[in-house]
Amino acid sequence: MSDTHYAVAAVLVTAAVTWSLRAAPFAALAPLRASETMGHLSVRMPAGVMVILVVYCLSDLPLPQPQSLVPLGALAVTVGLHLWRRDALLSILGGTAVHVVLASTLVPH
């Protein structure tokens, strides 16, 4: 096989694999939309994922040190804003702003 034929074959195989991998989730999603299990997971999973992320991020937090106030303060503001307003964007922006302010004032550089 010549170099040109080899390169064309490689590009065609790569294109076919890429297209298949990008189309596979959409093909698998159609039967899952009507699934009762997927309906249950779509309601419960966002909160579960957030709990896992919070636990993971705070697991190595050195509690006796003042630097630990930064993520804990930001977390408290984020949770408080979300419980008060039920607005994810406001909660994220408020928690981020508090984190930036606390990190720039409490953590020595």
Protein backbone atom coordinates (compact mmCIF):
# COMPACT_ATOMS: atom_id res chain seq x y z
CA MET A 1 0.00 0.00 0.00
CA SER A 2 1.41 3.39 -0.95
CA ASP A 3 1.85 6.20 1.53
CA THR A 4 -1.07 8.14 0.04
CA HIS A 5 -3.46 5.20 0.29
CA TYR A 6 -2.30 4.51 3.83
CA ALA A 7 -2.88 8.14 4.88
CA VAL A 8 -6.35 8.23 3.27
CA ALA A 9 -7.30 4.95 4.96
CA ALA A 10 -6.05 6.24 8.31
CA VAL A 11 -8.06 9.45 7.97
CA LEU A 12 -11.20 7.53 6.97
CA VAL A 13 -10.90 5.11 9.88
CA THR A 14 -10.26 7.97 12.30
CA ALA A 15 -13.26 9.89 10.96
CA ALA A 16 -15.51 6.81 11.24
CA VAL A 17 -14.43 6.11 14.82
CA THR A 18 -14.84 9.77 15.82
CA TRP A 19 -18.30 9.98 14.25
CA SER A 20 -19.37 6.71 15.89
CA LEU A 21 -18.17 7.80 19.32
CA ARG A 22 -19.99 11.11 19.01
CA ALA A 23 -23.22 9.51 17.73
CA ALA A 24 -23.32 6.63 20.25
CA PRO A 25 -24.61 8.67 23.23
CA PHE A 26 -27.48 10.04 21.17
CA ALA A 27 -28.41 6.57 19.95
CA ALA A 28 -28.30 5.20 23.49
CA LEU A 29 -30.23 8.16 24.92
CA ALA A 30 -33.42 7.62 22.95
CA PRO A 31 -34.56 4.43 24.75
CA LEU A 32 -33.41 5.77 28.11
CA ARG A 33 -35.63 8.85 27.98
CA ALA A 34 -38.72 6.77 28.72
CA SER A 35 -37.00 4.77 31.46
CA GLU A 36 -38.39 5.13 34.97
CA THR A 37 -34.91 4.68 36.42
CA MET A 38 -33.54 7.62 34.43
CA GLY A 39 -36.41 9.80 35.65
CA HIS A 40 -35.53 8.90 39.22
CA LEU A 41 -31.81 9.54 38.69
CA SER A 42 -32.38 12.88 36.95
CA VAL A 43 -34.17 14.13 40.06
CA ARG A 44 -31.77 12.71 42.67
CA MET A 45 -28.33 12.86 41.03
CA PRO A 46 -27.64 16.63 40.89
CA ALA A 47 -27.84 16.95 44.68
CA GLY A 48 -25.84 13.75 45.14
CA VAL A 49 -23.09 14.93 42.84
CA MET A 50 -22.89 18.25 44.67
CA VAL A 51 -22.61 16.51 48.04
CA ILE A 52 -19.80 14.31 46.72
CA LEU A 53 -17.95 17.36 45.33
CA VAL A 54 -18.28 19.29 48.60
CA VAL A 55 -17.07 16.34 50.68
CA TYR A 56 -14.15 15.79 48.31
CA CYS A 57 -13.14 19.46 48.30
CA LEU A 58 -13.35 19.82 52.07
CA SER A 59 -11.82 16.45 53.00
CA ASP A 60 -8.24 17.77 53.24
CA LEU A 61 -9.14 21.05 54.90
CA PRO A 62 -6.83 21.90 57.82
CA LEU A 63 -9.49 22.96 60.34
CA PRO A 64 -7.32 24.52 63.09
CA GLN A 65 -5.69 26.91 60.63
CA PRO A 66 -7.18 30.31 59.69
CA GLN A 67 -6.97 29.48 55.98
CA SER A 68 -9.82 26.99 56.49
CA LEU A 69 -12.19 29.90 57.08
CA VAL A 70 -12.01 30.83 53.41
CA PRO A 71 -13.72 27.75 51.88
CA LEU A 72 -15.99 27.28 54.89
CA GLY A 73 -17.16 30.89 54.72
CA ALA A 74 -17.73 30.67 51.00
CA LEU A 75 -19.61 27.40 51.44
CA ALA A 76 -21.82 28.89 54.16
CA VAL A 77 -22.66 31.90 51.99
CA THR A 78 -23.37 29.70 48.97
CA VAL A 79 -25.69 27.40 50.93
CA GLY A 80 -27.37 30.33 52.68
CA LEU A 81 -28.02 32.20 49.44
CA HIS A 82 -29.36 29.09 47.79
CA LEU A 83 -31.71 28.29 50.67
CA TRP A 84 -32.87 31.90 50.77
CA ARG A 85 -33.35 32.65 47.05
CA ARG A 86 -33.26 29.22 45.33
CA ASP A 87 -31.23 30.77 42.51
CA ALA A 88 -28.18 28.75 41.44
CA LEU A 89 -26.52 31.64 39.61
CA LEU A 90 -26.85 33.97 42.60
CA SER A 91 -25.53 31.26 44.93
CA ILE A 92 -22.51 30.52 42.75
CA LEU A 93 -21.65 34.18 42.17
CA GLY A 94 -22.15 35.09 45.85
CA GLY A 95 -20.06 32.17 47.10
CA THR A 96 -17.33 32.91 44.58
CA ALA A 97 -17.25 36.59 45.53
CA VAL A 98 -17.01 35.75 49.23
CA HIS A 99 -14.24 33.24 48.52
CA VAL A 100 -12.24 35.81 46.55
CA VAL A 101 -12.67 38.49 49.23
CA LEU A 102 -11.76 36.12 52.07
CA ALA A 103 -8.83 34.61 50.20
CA SER A 104 -7.39 38.02 49.38
CA THR A 105 -7.78 39.36 52.92
CA LEU A 106 -7.26 36.37 55.26
CA VAL A 107 -4.64 34.26 53.51
CA PRO A 108 -1.11 35.69 53.77
CA HIS A 109 0.74 36.06 50.48
